[in-house]
Amino acid sequence: MTCGLHPVSTCLQGASGAIFSEERVEVLESLSIGIVFILYGLVLFLLPPKSSKSFYAYKTTSSLKNERNFKAANAYVSLLLMVFGVILLLIARLTGHFLTTGIATFIVFILIYILVERKLKNI
């Protein structure tokens, strides 16, 4: 893979002029997944969606059943996103492998769905 006429690694220079290795870039990409989860969880926690029409709300059939379910689902998913975001950060840091973090992210999405839907059933 090239960047212009130069290999990608020469295009990944930091402010100090040091070249980031491809492994370092992969770790940074992996860490970014956990950071996005945490930031999205914070947004949902600090700025909960006002209605089901908000584009950043958690929306499933059961969460849209009524206002109580909608608020409960979004409050719960915000906490889960932050917790699983930290777990994804740890996985990314420990493995340093983007594919591993990607697989963990897929599993986390499924777990979040199951946990939120189970909570909504018990309301």
Protein backbone atom coordinates (compact mmCIF):
# COMPACT_ATOMS: atom_id res chain seq x y z
CA MET A 1 0.00 0.00 0.00
CA THR A 2 1.37 3.42 -0.85
CA CYS A 3 0.71 7.04 0.00
CA GLY A 4 1.53 8.97 -3.14
CA LEU A 5 4.87 7.59 -4.25
CA HIS A 6 5.90 6.58 -0.74
CA PRO A 7 5.03 3.54 1.38
CA VAL A 8 2.20 4.12 3.91
CA SER A 9 4.61 3.91 6.84
CA THR A 10 6.43 7.03 5.60
CA CYS A 11 3.11 8.91 5.51
CA LEU A 12 2.34 8.15 9.15
CA GLN A 13 4.70 10.67 10.70
CA GLY A 14 3.99 12.28 14.03
CA ALA A 15 4.74 15.87 15.04
CA SER A 16 8.24 14.87 16.09
CA GLY A 17 8.92 13.39 12.68
CA ALA A 18 9.01 9.85 14.08
CA ILE A 19 7.37 7.25 11.91
CA PHE A 20 4.60 5.21 13.50
CA SER A 21 4.92 1.51 12.85
CA GLU A 22 1.97 -0.33 11.35
CA GLU A 23 1.60 -2.20 14.66
CA ARG A 24 1.29 1.09 16.51
CA VAL A 25 -1.35 2.31 14.06
CA GLU A 26 -3.26 -0.96 14.54
CA VAL A 27 -3.22 -0.47 18.33
CA LEU A 28 -4.45 3.10 17.94
CA GLU A 29 -7.27 1.92 15.67
CA SER A 30 -8.21 -0.74 18.20
CA LEU A 31 -8.19 1.75 21.07
CA SER A 32 -10.40 4.11 19.09
CA ILE A 33 -13.26 1.58 19.18
CA GLY A 34 -13.37 1.63 22.98
CA ILE A 35 -13.07 5.41 23.00
CA VAL A 36 -16.04 5.73 20.63
CA PHE A 37 -18.11 3.45 22.88
CA ILE A 38 -17.25 5.53 25.95
CA LEU A 39 -17.97 8.84 24.20
CA TYR A 40 -21.28 7.60 22.81
CA GLY A 41 -22.24 6.32 26.26
CA LEU A 42 -21.37 9.72 27.75
CA VAL A 43 -23.49 11.52 25.15
CA LEU A 44 -26.47 9.28 25.93
CA PHE A 45 -25.91 9.74 29.66
CA LEU A 46 -25.37 13.50 29.69
CA LEU A 47 -27.76 14.37 26.84
CA PRO A 48 -30.43 11.68 26.89
CA PRO A 49 -32.60 11.66 23.77
CA LYS A 50 -35.79 13.66 24.26
CA SER A 51 -37.87 11.58 21.88
CA SER A 52 -37.75 8.42 19.85
CA LYS A 53 -37.05 10.58 16.80
CA SER A 54 -33.55 11.44 18.04
CA PHE A 55 -30.98 9.95 15.68
CA TYR A 56 -28.68 8.81 18.49
CA ALA A 57 -31.26 6.98 20.60
CA TYR A 58 -31.41 3.24 21.29
CA LYS A 59 -34.41 2.10 19.25
CA THR A 60 -35.89 -1.37 19.20
CA THR A 61 -39.48 -2.54 19.14
CA SER A 62 -39.51 -3.04 22.91
CA SER A 63 -37.80 0.26 23.68
CA LEU A 64 -40.29 2.14 21.51
CA LYS A 65 -43.28 0.45 23.14
CA ASN A 66 -43.78 3.36 25.54
CA GLU A 67 -41.99 6.38 27.01
CA ARG A 68 -40.95 4.53 30.18
CA ASN A 69 -39.24 1.77 28.19
CA PHE A 70 -37.58 4.30 25.92
CA LYS A 71 -36.05 6.24 28.82
CA ALA A 72 -35.04 3.10 30.72
CA ALA A 73 -33.43 1.53 27.65
CA ASN A 74 -31.42 4.63 26.79
CA ALA A 75 -30.28 5.15 30.38
CA TYR A 76 -29.18 1.52 30.66
CA VAL A 77 -27.49 1.38 27.26
CA SER A 78 -25.50 4.52 28.10
CA LEU A 79 -24.00 2.78 31.14
CA LEU A 80 -23.37 -0.43 29.22
CA LEU A 81 -21.60 1.45 26.44
CA MET A 82 -19.25 3.09 28.93
CA VAL A 83 -18.52 -0.17 30.78
CA PHE A 84 -17.99 -2.17 27.60
CA GLY A 85 -15.97 0.73 26.16
CA VAL A 86 -13.49 0.34 29.02
CA ILE A 87 -13.42 -3.43 28.47
CA LEU A 88 -12.75 -2.91 24.75
CA LEU A 89 -9.94 -0.49 25.63
CA LEU A 90 -8.39 -3.17 27.82
CA ILE A 91 -8.74 -5.82 25.11
CA ALA A 92 -7.18 -3.47 22.55
CA ARG A 93 -4.32 -2.60 24.87
CA LEU A 94 -3.64 -6.18 25.91
CA THR A 95 -3.85 -7.73 22.45
CA GLY A 96 -2.86 -4.82 20.22
CA HIS A 97 -4.68 -6.63 17.44
CA PHE A 98 -7.48 -4.93 15.50
CA LEU A 99 -9.18 -8.16 14.43
CA THR A 100 -9.42 -9.36 18.04
CA THR A 101 -10.90 -6.04 19.11
CA GLY A 102 -13.30 -6.16 16.15
CA ILE A 103 -14.55 -9.60 17.13
CA ALA A 104 -14.91 -8.46 20.74
CA THR A 105 -16.88 -5.43 19.50
CA PHE A 106 -19.29 -7.68 17.61
CA ILE A 107 -19.80 -9.78 20.76
CA VAL A 108 -20.30 -6.61 22.82
CA PHE A 109 -23.05 -5.38 20.46
CA ILE A 110 -24.87 -8.69 20.91
CA LEU A 111 -24.42 -8.60 24.69
CA ILE A 112 -25.69 -5.03 24.94
CA TYR A 113 -28.77 -5.93 22.92
CA ILE A 114 -29.48 -9.01 25.06
CA LEU A 115 -28.95 -7.17 28.35
CA VAL A 116 -31.10 -4.18 27.43
CA GLU A 117 -33.91 -6.28 26.00
CA ARG A 118 -33.88 -8.54 29.07
CA LYS A 119 -34.11 -5.48 31.30
CA LEU A 120 -37.03 -4.13 29.28
CA LYS A 121 -38.88 -7.46 29.64
CA ASN A 122 -38.58 -7.15 33.43
CA ILE A 123 -40.01 -3.63 33.56
